[in-house]
Amino acid sequence: MTKMTLGTHPYLLGFDQLERLAERAAKGAEGYPPYNIEHRAPDGFRITLAVAGFAEDDLSLTVEDRQLVIRGRQAEGADERVFLHRGIAARAFQRSFVLAEGIEVEAAALENGLLHIDLRRVTPQGIVKTIPISRK
């Protein structure tokens, strides 16, 4: 007996992408760096990540196949510092968010150790598609 998955069910044609999106979302369960997600009226969102110690050049934001990927990697310091206590996390990270269709990244800003990423829902105008029926 074969296992019926969401992408192989005969009534859910073309929904295999939804299964992949759910798998991607489940993988992003790491807790570093901490983040907030805010709703900004009427059709916006803001993701805020706590990235203390990271400069703009240490961070990169990309959108890959409707997935927002934020990567952070601090450059190795050339100076030989000796830490008596090191409590500030300086490890590299990658955090991703799956974006719904119609959500676009509008802007990103680094302010006081917080990376703000503004998202906006784009409503397509007049998407009505008529499917012609042909005779055979």
Protein backbone atom coordinates (compact mmCIF):
# COMPACT_ATOMS: atom_id res chain seq x y z
CA MET A 1 0.00 0.00 0.00
CA THR A 2 1.47 3.37 -0.99
CA LYS A 3 1.22 6.46 1.15
CA MET A 4 -1.02 9.16 -0.32
CA THR A 5 0.58 12.58 0.09
CA LEU A 6 -0.89 15.99 -0.58
CA GLY A 7 0.88 16.26 -3.94
CA THR A 8 -0.25 12.85 -5.17
CA HIS A 9 -3.93 12.96 -4.23
CA PRO A 10 -6.05 12.93 -7.43
CA TYR A 11 -8.31 15.80 -6.28
CA LEU A 12 -5.39 18.11 -5.44
CA LEU A 13 -3.66 18.51 -8.77
CA GLY A 14 -0.84 21.04 -8.69
CA PHE A 15 -0.73 21.34 -4.90
CA ASP A 16 2.64 19.61 -4.60
CA GLN A 17 4.18 23.07 -4.14
CA LEU A 18 2.10 23.49 -0.98
CA GLU A 19 3.67 20.35 0.45
CA ARG A 20 7.17 21.69 -0.32
CA LEU A 21 6.31 25.04 1.29
CA ALA A 22 5.13 23.28 4.46
CA GLU A 23 8.38 21.30 4.60
CA ARG A 24 10.42 24.50 4.17
CA ALA A 25 8.48 26.27 6.91
CA ALA A 26 9.04 23.38 9.31
CA LYS A 27 12.81 23.50 8.74
CA GLY A 28 13.06 27.12 9.88
CA ALA A 29 12.39 26.34 13.55
CA GLU A 30 15.77 27.49 14.92
CA GLY A 31 15.60 30.21 17.57
CA TYR A 32 18.51 32.48 16.53
CA PRO A 33 18.24 35.34 15.91
CA PRO A 34 14.98 36.22 17.66
CA TYR A 35 12.38 38.03 15.56
CA ASN A 36 8.99 39.74 15.63
CA ILE A 37 6.33 39.86 12.93
CA GLU A 38 3.95 42.83 12.95
CA HIS A 39 0.85 43.57 10.92
CA ARG A 40 0.92 47.10 9.55
CA ALA A 41 -2.40 48.35 8.26
CA PRO A 42 -3.86 48.10 5.75
CA ASP A 43 -1.85 45.59 3.72
CA GLY A 44 1.65 45.51 5.16
CA PHE A 45 3.81 43.44 7.45
CA ARG A 46 7.14 44.01 9.18
CA ILE A 47 9.66 41.38 10.21
CA THR A 48 12.16 42.61 12.80
CA LEU A 49 15.25 40.56 13.62
CA ALA A 50 17.58 41.26 16.57
CA VAL A 51 21.01 41.32 14.91
CA ALA A 52 23.16 43.11 17.50
CA GLY A 53 26.80 43.34 16.43
CA PHE A 54 26.11 42.81 12.72
CA ALA A 55 26.89 45.58 10.24
CA GLU A 56 25.04 46.12 6.95
CA ASP A 57 27.87 44.40 5.06
CA ASP A 58 27.52 41.32 7.30
CA LEU A 59 23.86 40.78 6.30
CA SER A 60 22.25 39.66 3.06
CA LEU A 61 18.59 39.38 2.07
CA THR A 62 17.41 37.37 -0.91
CA VAL A 63 14.08 36.13 -2.20
CA GLU A 64 14.41 32.65 -3.68
CA ASP A 65 11.28 30.95 -5.00
CA ARG A 66 8.88 32.88 -2.70
CA GLN A 67 11.16 32.34 0.28
CA LEU A 68 12.76 35.31 2.03
CA VAL A 69 16.23 34.25 3.20
CA ILE A 70 18.22 36.40 5.66
CA ARG A 71 21.86 35.45 6.18
CA GLY A 72 24.29 36.95 8.63
CA ARG A 73 28.02 36.32 8.87
CA GLN A 74 30.41 38.57 10.75
CA ALA A 75 33.84 39.12 9.27
CA GLU A 76 36.67 37.56 11.23
CA GLY A 77 38.52 40.25 13.17
CA ALA A 78 42.19 40.67 12.37
CA ASP A 79 42.95 41.84 15.89
CA GLU A 80 43.75 39.26 18.53
CA ARG A 81 41.27 40.18 21.24
CA VAL A 82 41.23 38.27 24.49
CA PHE A 83 37.72 37.91 25.91
CA LEU A 84 37.27 37.49 29.65
CA HIS A 85 33.57 36.80 28.99
CA ARG A 86 31.88 36.45 25.62
CA GLY A 87 28.11 36.63 25.99
CA ILE A 88 27.21 38.33 22.69
CA ALA A 89 26.46 35.75 20.05
CA ALA A 90 28.51 36.37 16.93
CA ARG A 91 27.69 33.17 15.11
CA ALA A 92 26.55 33.03 11.53
CA PHE A 93 22.85 32.49 10.92
CA GLN A 94 20.32 31.87 8.21
CA ARG A 95 16.64 32.50 8.81
CA SER A 96 13.98 32.03 6.18
CA PHE A 97 10.32 32.95 5.83
CA VAL A 98 7.96 31.53 3.21
CA LEU A 99 6.10 34.37 1.51
CA ALA A 100 2.54 33.93 0.31
CA GLU A 101 1.77 34.66 -3.29
CA GLY A 102 1.29 38.39 -3.74
CA ILE A 103 3.62 39.39 -0.87
CA GLU A 104 6.63 41.47 -1.90
CA VAL A 105 9.61 42.81 0.02
CA GLU A 106 9.30 46.58 0.01
CA ALA A 107 12.35 47.75 2.01
CA ALA A 108 14.91 46.76 4.63
CA ALA A 109 16.69 48.93 7.18
CA LEU A 110 19.21 48.33 9.98
CA GLU A 111 18.57 50.51 13.02
CA ASN A 112 19.95 50.19 16.57
CA GLY A 113 20.82 46.50 16.16
CA LEU A 114 17.42 45.64 14.67
CA LEU A 115 16.92 44.64 11.04
CA HIS A 116 13.48 45.78 9.83
CA ILE A 117 12.07 44.17 6.69
CA ASP A 118 8.87 45.70 5.35
CA LEU A 119 6.55 43.52 3.28
CA ARG A 120 3.52 44.55 1.28
CA ARG A 121 0.59 42.60 -0.16
CA VAL A 122 0.22 43.42 -3.84
CA THR A 123 -3.29 43.00 -5.14
CA PRO A 124 -3.27 42.18 -8.85
CA GLN A 125 -5.69 44.24 -10.90
CA GLY A 126 -8.25 42.45 -13.03
CA ILE A 127 -6.94 38.93 -13.18
CA VAL A 128 -9.81 37.15 -14.83
CA LYS A 129 -8.90 34.47 -17.29
CA THR A 130 -11.40 32.96 -19.70
CA ILE A 131 -10.67 29.44 -20.83
CA PRO A 132 -11.89 28.74 -24.36
CA ILE A 133 -13.64 25.45 -25.02
CA SER A 134 -12.71 23.81 -28.30
CA ARG A 135 -14.77 21.30 -30.27
CA LYS A 136 -13.35 18.07 -31.54
